[in-house]
């Protein structure tokens, strides 16, 4: 796990995104103190409950979702 500065992360976000997609992780520092870790998401930890793009291309708005829920 590499250590990077917060400013470095902000200025080069696209490059760090590519590195994370390849499996690398980083500890982000601010004023010589670690503030968070950033790394790839554990794919096994996500579960799709409902895919709103199956109902309407591009998904549905929150307002439309709430209206549908209130009808049921």
PDB file of N, CA and C in Angstrom:
ATOM      1  N   UNK A   1       0.844  -1.167   0.000  1.00  0.00           N
ATOM      2  CA  UNK A   1       0.000   0.000   0.000  1.00  0.00           C
ATOM      3  C   UNK A   1       0.896   1.238   0.000  1.00  0.00           C
ATOM      4  N   UNK A   2       0.668   2.125  -0.950  1.00  0.00           N
ATOM      5  CA  UNK A   2       1.475   3.338  -1.080  1.00  0.00           C
ATOM      6  C   UNK A   2       0.846   4.497  -0.316  1.00  0.00           C
ATOM      7  N   UNK A   3       1.670   5.469   0.017  1.00  0.00           N
ATOM      8  CA  UNK A   3       1.219   6.665   0.722  1.00  0.00           C
ATOM      9  C   UNK A   3       1.257   7.836  -0.251  1.00  0.00           C
ATOM     10  N   UNK A   4       0.145   8.586  -0.312  1.00  0.00           N
ATOM     11  CA  UNK A   4       0.064   9.757  -1.184  1.00  0.00           C
ATOM     12  C   UNK A   4      -0.558  10.917  -0.411  1.00  0.00           C
ATOM     13  N   UNK A   5      -0.294  12.119  -0.865  1.00  0.00           N
ATOM     14  CA  UNK A   5      -0.892  13.303  -0.258  1.00  0.00           C
ATOM     15  C   UNK A   5      -2.260  13.583  -0.849  1.00  0.00           C
ATOM     16  N   UNK A   6      -3.110  14.225  -0.079  1.00  0.00           N
ATOM     17  CA  UNK A   6      -4.455  14.564  -0.539  1.00  0.00           C
ATOM     18  C   UNK A   6      -4.401  15.456  -1.776  1.00  0.00           C
ATOM     19  N   UNK A   7      -3.503  16.429  -1.777  1.00  0.00           N
ATOM     20  CA  UNK A   7      -3.354  17.324  -2.927  1.00  0.00           C
ATOM     21  C   UNK A   7      -2.943  16.534  -4.166  1.00  0.00           C
ATOM     22  N   UNK A   8      -2.009  15.593  -3.999  1.00  0.00           N
ATOM     23  CA  UNK A   8      -1.565  14.737  -5.095  1.00  0.00           C
ATOM     24  C   UNK A   8      -2.746  13.937  -5.652  1.00  0.00           C
ATOM     25  N   UNK A   9      -3.579  13.398  -4.786  1.00  0.00           N
ATOM     26  CA  UNK A   9      -4.752  12.639  -5.212  1.00  0.00           C
ATOM     27  C   UNK A   9      -5.703  13.520  -6.012  1.00  0.00           C
ATOM     28  N   UNK A  10      -5.992  14.715  -5.491  1.00  0.00           N
ATOM     29  CA  UNK A  10      -6.903  15.627  -6.190  1.00  0.00           C
ATOM     30  C   UNK A  10      -6.367  16.019  -7.560  1.00  0.00           C
ATOM     31  N   UNK A  11      -5.083  16.306  -7.639  1.00  0.00           N
ATOM     32  CA  UNK A  11      -4.497  16.774  -8.897  1.00  0.00           C
ATOM     33  C   UNK A  11      -4.347  15.670  -9.940  1.00  0.00           C
ATOM     34  N   UNK A  12      -4.299  14.422  -9.509  1.00  0.00           N
ATOM     35  CA  UNK A  12      -4.066  13.303 -10.425  1.00  0.00           C
ATOM     36  C   UNK A  12      -5.094  12.192 -10.242  1.00  0.00           C
ATOM     37  N   UNK A  13      -6.340  12.580 -10.001  1.00  0.00           N
ATOM     38  CA  UNK A  13      -7.382  11.614  -9.691  1.00  0.00           C
ATOM     39  C   UNK A  13      -7.555  10.548 -10.774  1.00  0.00           C
ATOM     40  N   UNK A  14      -7.528  10.953 -12.033  1.00  0.00           N
ATOM     41  CA  UNK A  14      -7.720   9.982 -13.121  1.00  0.00           C
ATOM     42  C   UNK A  14      -6.639   8.905 -13.102  1.00  0.00           C
ATOM     43  N   UNK A  15      -5.398   9.299 -12.850  1.00  0.00           N
ATOM     44  CA  UNK A  15      -4.306   8.322 -12.803  1.00  0.00           C
ATOM     45  C   UNK A  15      -4.478   7.367 -11.617  1.00  0.00           C
ATOM     46  N   UNK A  16      -4.858   7.902 -10.457  1.00  0.00           N
ATOM     47  CA  UNK A  16      -5.063   7.036  -9.296  1.00  0.00           C
ATOM     48  C   UNK A  16      -6.263   6.122  -9.489  1.00  0.00           C
ATOM     49  N   UNK A  17      -7.277   6.596 -10.192  1.00  0.00           N
ATOM     50  CA  UNK A  17      -8.424   5.746 -10.500  1.00  0.00           C
ATOM     51  C   UNK A  17      -7.975   4.530 -11.310  1.00  0.00           C
ATOM     52  N   UNK A  18      -7.122   4.756 -12.312  1.00  0.00           N
ATOM     53  CA  UNK A  18      -6.598   3.650 -13.123  1.00  0.00           C
ATOM     54  C   UNK A  18      -5.815   2.667 -12.265  1.00  0.00           C
ATOM     55  N   UNK A  19      -4.998   3.194 -11.358  1.00  0.00           N
ATOM     56  CA  UNK A  19      -4.197   2.332 -10.487  1.00  0.00           C
ATOM     57  C   UNK A  19      -5.086   1.493  -9.569  1.00  0.00           C
ATOM     58  N   UNK A  20      -6.132   2.106  -9.052  1.00  0.00           N
ATOM     59  CA  UNK A  20      -7.057   1.396  -8.163  1.00  0.00           C
ATOM     60  C   UNK A  20      -7.786   0.299  -8.934  1.00  0.00           C
ATOM     61  N   UNK A  21      -8.177   0.593 -10.168  1.00  0.00           N
ATOM     62  CA  UNK A  21      -8.832  -0.427 -10.988  1.00  0.00           C
ATOM     63  C   UNK A  21      -7.918  -1.616 -11.249  1.00  0.00           C
ATOM     64  N   UNK A  22      -6.611  -1.386 -11.189  1.00  0.00           N
ATOM     65  CA  UNK A  22      -5.637  -2.475 -11.360  1.00  0.00           C
ATOM     66  C   UNK A  22      -5.378  -3.217 -10.049  1.00  0.00           C
ATOM     67  N   UNK A  23      -6.014  -2.763  -8.961  1.00  0.00           N
ATOM     68  CA  UNK A  23      -5.879  -3.470  -7.693  1.00  0.00           C
ATOM     69  C   UNK A  23      -5.022  -2.795  -6.639  1.00  0.00           C
ATOM     70  N   UNK A  24      -4.439  -1.640  -6.941  1.00  0.00           N
ATOM     71  CA  UNK A  24      -3.586  -0.947  -5.964  1.00  0.00           C
ATOM     72  C   UNK A  24      -4.425  -0.215  -4.928  1.00  0.00           C
ATOM     73  N   UNK A  25      -3.861  -0.038  -3.750  1.00  0.00           N
ATOM     74  CA  UNK A  25      -4.494   0.698  -2.663  1.00  0.00           C
ATOM     75  C   UNK A  25      -3.550   1.786  -2.183  1.00  0.00           C
ATOM     76  N   UNK A  26      -4.111   2.824  -1.590  1.00  0.00           N
ATOM     77  CA  UNK A  26      -3.322   3.953  -1.131  1.00  0.00           C
ATOM     78  C   UNK A  26      -3.807   4.442   0.233  1.00  0.00           C
ATOM     79  N   UNK A  27      -2.878   4.946   1.023  1.00  0.00           N
ATOM     80  CA  UNK A  27      -3.214   5.677   2.243  1.00  0.00           C
ATOM     81  C   UNK A  27      -3.050   7.146   1.895  1.00  0.00           C
ATOM     82  N   UNK A  28      -4.088   7.943   2.145  1.00  0.00           N
ATOM     83  CA  UNK A  28      -4.062   9.357   1.793  1.00  0.00           C
ATOM     84  C   UNK A  28      -3.752  10.167   3.050  1.00  0.00           C
ATOM     85  N   UNK A  29      -2.755  11.044   2.919  1.00  0.00           N
ATOM     86  CA  UNK A  29      -2.271  11.842   4.044  1.00  0.00           C
ATOM     87  C   UNK A  29      -2.644  13.310   3.855  1.00  0.00           C
ATOM     88  N   UNK A  30      -2.868  13.990   4.971  1.00  0.00           N
ATOM     89  CA  UNK A  30      -3.086  15.435   4.979  1.00  0.00           C
ATOM     90  C   UNK A  30      -2.323  15.992   6.162  1.00  0.00           C
ATOM     91  N   UNK A  31      -1.410  16.895   5.893  1.00  0.00           N
ATOM     92  CA  UNK A  31      -0.567  17.496   6.933  1.00  0.00           C
ATOM     93  C   UNK A  31       0.132  16.422   7.769  1.00  0.00           C
ATOM     94  N   UNK A  32       0.698  15.463   7.080  1.00  0.00           N
ATOM     95  CA  UNK A  32       1.487  14.371   7.681  1.00  0.00           C
ATOM     96  C   UNK A  32       0.678  13.422   8.542  1.00  0.00           C
ATOM     97  N   UNK A  33      -0.642  13.433   8.398  1.00  0.00           N
ATOM     98  CA  UNK A  33      -1.499  12.506   9.146  1.00  0.00           C
ATOM     99  C   UNK A  33      -2.352  11.706   8.167  1.00  0.00           C
ATOM    100  N   UNK A  34      -2.466  10.397   8.387  1.00  0.00           N
ATOM    101  CA  UNK A  34      -3.329   9.600   7.511  1.00  0.00           C
ATOM    102  C   UNK A  34      -4.794   9.961   7.754  1.00  0.00           C
ATOM    103  N   UNK A  35      -5.542  10.181   6.652  1.00  0.00           N
ATOM    104  CA  UNK A  35      -6.952  10.528   6.818  1.00  0.00           C
ATOM    105  C   UNK A  35      -7.907   9.469   6.272  1.00  0.00           C
ATOM    106  N   UNK A  36      -7.475   8.697   5.254  1.00  0.00           N
ATOM    107  CA  UNK A  36      -8.293   7.585   4.783  1.00  0.00           C
ATOM    108  C   UNK A  36      -7.483   6.671   3.869  1.00  0.00           C
ATOM    109  N   UNK A  37      -8.056   5.488   3.630  1.00  0.00           N
ATOM    110  CA  UNK A  37      -7.494   4.535   2.674  1.00  0.00           C
ATOM    111  C   UNK A  37      -8.399   4.539   1.463  1.00  0.00           C
ATOM    112  N   UNK A  38      -7.809   4.317   0.321  1.00  0.00           N
ATOM    113  CA  UNK A  38      -8.581   4.225  -0.912  1.00  0.00           C
ATOM    114  C   UNK A  38      -8.080   3.015  -1.683  1.00  0.00           C
ATOM    115  N   UNK A  39      -9.018   2.230  -2.197  1.00  0.00           N
ATOM    116  CA  UNK A  39      -8.640   1.027  -2.919  1.00  0.00           C
ATOM    117  C   UNK A  39      -9.823   0.429  -3.644  1.00  0.00           C
ATOM    118  N   UNK A  40      -9.612  -0.672  -4.321  1.00  0.00           N
ATOM    119  CA  UNK A  40     -10.686  -1.305  -5.085  1.00  0.00           C
ATOM    120  C   UNK A  40     -11.798  -1.831  -4.173  1.00  0.00           C
ATOM    121  N   UNK A  41     -12.993  -1.838  -4.712  1.00  0.00           N
ATOM    122  CA  UNK A  41     -14.153  -2.355  -3.990  1.00  0.00           C
ATOM    123  C   UNK A  41     -14.138  -3.872  -4.070  1.00  0.00           C
ATOM    124  N   UNK A  42     -14.423  -4.515  -2.963  1.00  0.00           N
ATOM    125  CA  UNK A  42     -14.549  -5.971  -2.940  1.00  0.00           C
ATOM    126  C   UNK A  42     -15.841  -6.331  -3.658  1.00  0.00           C
ATOM    127  N   UNK A  43     -15.718  -6.872  -4.864  1.00  0.00           N
ATOM    128  CA  UNK A  43     -16.893  -7.180  -5.679  1.00  0.00           C
ATOM    129  C   UNK A  43     -17.864  -8.129  -4.969  1.00  0.00           C
ATOM    130  N   UNK A  44     -17.368  -8.988  -4.112  1.00  0.00           N
ATOM    131  CA  UNK A  44     -18.236  -9.910  -3.395  1.00  0.00           C
ATOM    132  C   UNK A  44     -19.100  -9.223  -2.362  1.00  0.00           C
ATOM    133  N   UNK A  45     -18.784  -7.973  -2.024  1.00  0.00           N
ATOM    134  CA  UNK A  45     -19.522  -7.254  -0.997  1.00  0.00           C
ATOM    135  C   UNK A  45     -20.729  -6.498  -1.517  1.00  0.00           C
ATOM    136  N   UNK A  46     -20.934  -6.452  -2.835  1.00  0.00           N
ATOM    137  CA  UNK A  46     -22.048  -5.706  -3.411  1.00  0.00           C
ATOM    138  C   UNK A  46     -23.123  -6.652  -3.888  1.00  0.00           C
ATOM    139  N   UNK A  47     -24.358  -6.258  -3.692  1.00  0.00           N
ATOM    140  CA  UNK A  47     -25.491  -7.053  -4.157  1.00  0.00           C
ATOM    141  C   UNK A  47     -26.484  -6.112  -4.824  1.00  0.00           C
ATOM    142  N   UNK A  48     -26.904  -6.438  -6.039  1.00  0.00           N
ATOM    143  CA  UNK A  48     -27.912  -5.638  -6.711  1.00  0.00           C
ATOM    144  C   UNK A  48     -29.277  -6.059  -6.198  1.00  0.00           C
ATOM    145  N   UNK A  49     -29.976  -5.127  -5.604  1.00  0.00           N
ATOM    146  CA  UNK A  49     -31.312  -5.406  -5.084  1.00  0.00           C
ATOM    147  C   UNK A  49     -32.339  -5.207  -6.183  1.00  0.00           C
ATOM    148  N   UNK A  50     -32.232  -4.086  -6.886  1.00  0.00           N
ATOM    149  CA  UNK A  50     -33.120  -3.824  -8.013  1.00  0.00           C
ATOM    150  C   UNK A  50     -32.363  -2.960  -9.020  1.00  0.00           C
ATOM    151  N   UNK A  51     -32.547  -3.250 -10.289  1.00  0.00           N
ATOM    152  CA  UNK A  51     -31.909  -2.484 -11.351  1.00  0.00           C
ATOM    153  C   UNK A  51     -32.985  -1.670 -12.049  1.00  0.00           C
ATOM    154  N   UNK A  52     -33.034  -0.373 -11.742  1.00  0.00           N
ATOM    155  CA  UNK A  52     -34.081   0.480 -12.282  1.00  0.00           C
ATOM    156  C   UNK A  52     -33.935   0.709 -13.780  1.00  0.00           C
ATOM    157  N   UNK A  53     -32.772   0.413 -14.339  1.00  0.00           N
ATOM    158  CA  UNK A  53     -32.614   0.551 -15.786  1.00  0.00           C
ATOM    159  C   UNK A  53     -33.398  -0.523 -16.524  1.00  0.00           C
ATOM    160  N   UNK A  54     -33.822  -1.588 -15.812  1.00  0.00           N
ATOM    161  CA  UNK A  54     -34.665  -2.605 -16.438  1.00  0.00           C
ATOM    162  C   UNK A  54     -36.075  -2.069 -16.665  1.00  0.00           C
ATOM    163  N   UNK A  55     -36.482  -1.091 -15.870  1.00  0.00           N
ATOM    164  CA  UNK A  55     -37.824  -0.516 -15.976  1.00  0.00           C
ATOM    165  C   UNK A  55     -37.881   0.627 -16.983  1.00  0.00           C
ATOM    166  N   UNK A  56     -36.774   1.377 -17.060  1.00  0.00           N
ATOM    167  CA  UNK A  56     -36.726   2.528 -17.955  1.00  0.00           C
ATOM    168  C   UNK A  56     -35.271   2.811 -18.272  1.00  0.00           C
ATOM    169  N   UNK A  57     -34.956   2.948 -19.559  1.00  0.00           N
ATOM    170  CA  UNK A  57     -33.565   3.193 -19.956  1.00  0.00           C
ATOM    171  C   UNK A  57     -33.039   4.431 -19.225  1.00  0.00           C
ATOM    172  N   UNK A  58     -31.875   4.312 -18.605  1.00  0.00           N
ATOM    173  CA  UNK A  58     -31.295   5.427 -17.861  1.00  0.00           C
ATOM    174  C   UNK A  58     -31.776   5.499 -16.421  1.00  0.00           C
ATOM    175  N   UNK A  59     -32.666   4.574 -16.020  1.00  0.00           N
ATOM    176  CA  UNK A  59     -33.156   4.575 -14.648  1.00  0.00           C
ATOM    177  C   UNK A  59     -34.373   5.473 -14.494  1.00  0.00           C
ATOM    178  N   UNK A  60     -34.820   5.629 -13.250  1.00  0.00           N
ATOM    179  CA  UNK A  60     -35.969   6.485 -12.968  1.00  0.00           C
ATOM    180  C   UNK A  60     -35.582   7.485 -11.889  1.00  0.00           C
ATOM    181  N   UNK A  61     -36.288   8.593 -11.858  1.00  0.00           N
ATOM    182  CA  UNK A  61     -35.991   9.624 -10.864  1.00  0.00           C
ATOM    183  C   UNK A  61     -36.506   9.192  -9.492  1.00  0.00           C
ATOM    184  N   UNK A  62     -35.962   9.788  -8.468  1.00  0.00           N
ATOM    185  CA  UNK A  62     -36.410   9.496  -7.099  1.00  0.00           C
ATOM    186  C   UNK A  62     -37.881   9.856  -6.941  1.00  0.00           C
ATOM    187  N   UNK A  63     -38.308  10.956  -7.557  1.00  0.00           N
ATOM    188  CA  UNK A  63     -39.711  11.390  -7.471  1.00  0.00           C
ATOM    189  C   UNK A  63     -40.637  10.325  -8.063  1.00  0.00           C
ATOM    190  N   UNK A  64     -40.260   9.798  -9.224  1.00  0.00           N
ATOM    191  CA  UNK A  64     -41.055   8.754  -9.869  1.00  0.00           C
ATOM    192  C   UNK A  64     -41.064   7.479  -9.026  1.00  0.00           C
ATOM    193  N   UNK A  65     -39.927   7.127  -8.452  1.00  0.00           N
ATOM    194  CA  UNK A  65     -39.840   5.949  -7.594  1.00  0.00           C
ATOM    195  C   UNK A  65     -40.773   6.084  -6.393  1.00  0.00           C
ATOM    196  N   UNK A  66     -40.719   7.231  -5.730  1.00  0.00           N
ATOM    197  CA  UNK A  66     -41.587   7.449  -4.573  1.00  0.00           C
ATOM    198  C   UNK A  66     -43.060   7.383  -4.947  1.00  0.00           C
ATOM    199  N   UNK A  67     -43.415   7.940  -6.098  1.00  0.00           N
ATOM    200  CA  UNK A  67     -44.803   7.884  -6.561  1.00  0.00           C
ATOM    201  C   UNK A  67     -45.248   6.437  -6.772  1.00  0.00           C
ATOM    202  N   UNK A  68     -44.387   5.633  -7.368  1.00  0.00           N
ATOM    203  CA  UNK A  68     -44.712   4.212  -7.586  1.00  0.00           C
ATOM    204  C   UNK A  68     -44.842   3.459  -6.271  1.00  0.00           C
ATOM    205  N   UNK A  69     -43.972   3.772  -5.318  1.00  0.00           N
ATOM    206  CA  UNK A  69     -44.022   3.102  -4.016  1.00  0.00           C
ATOM    207  C   UNK A  69     -45.285   3.468  -3.252  1.00  0.00           C
ATOM    208  N   UNK A  70     -45.732   4.715  -3.367  1.00  0.00           N
ATOM    209  CA  UNK A  70     -46.932   5.147  -2.661  1.00  0.00           C
ATOM    210  C   UNK A  70     -48.186   4.473  -3.236  1.00  0.00           C
ATOM    211  N   UNK A  71     -48.162   4.121  -4.522  1.00  0.00           N
ATOM    212  CA  UNK A  71     -49.303   3.444  -5.148  1.00  0.00           C
ATOM    213  C   UNK A  71     -49.426   1.997  -4.678  1.00  0.00           C
ATOM    214  N   UNK A  72     -48.318   1.392  -4.295  1.00  0.00           N
ATOM    215  CA  UNK A  72     -48.377  -0.040  -3.927  1.00  0.00           C
ATOM    216  C   UNK A  72     -48.653  -0.242  -2.473  1.00  0.00           C
TER     217      UNK A  72
END
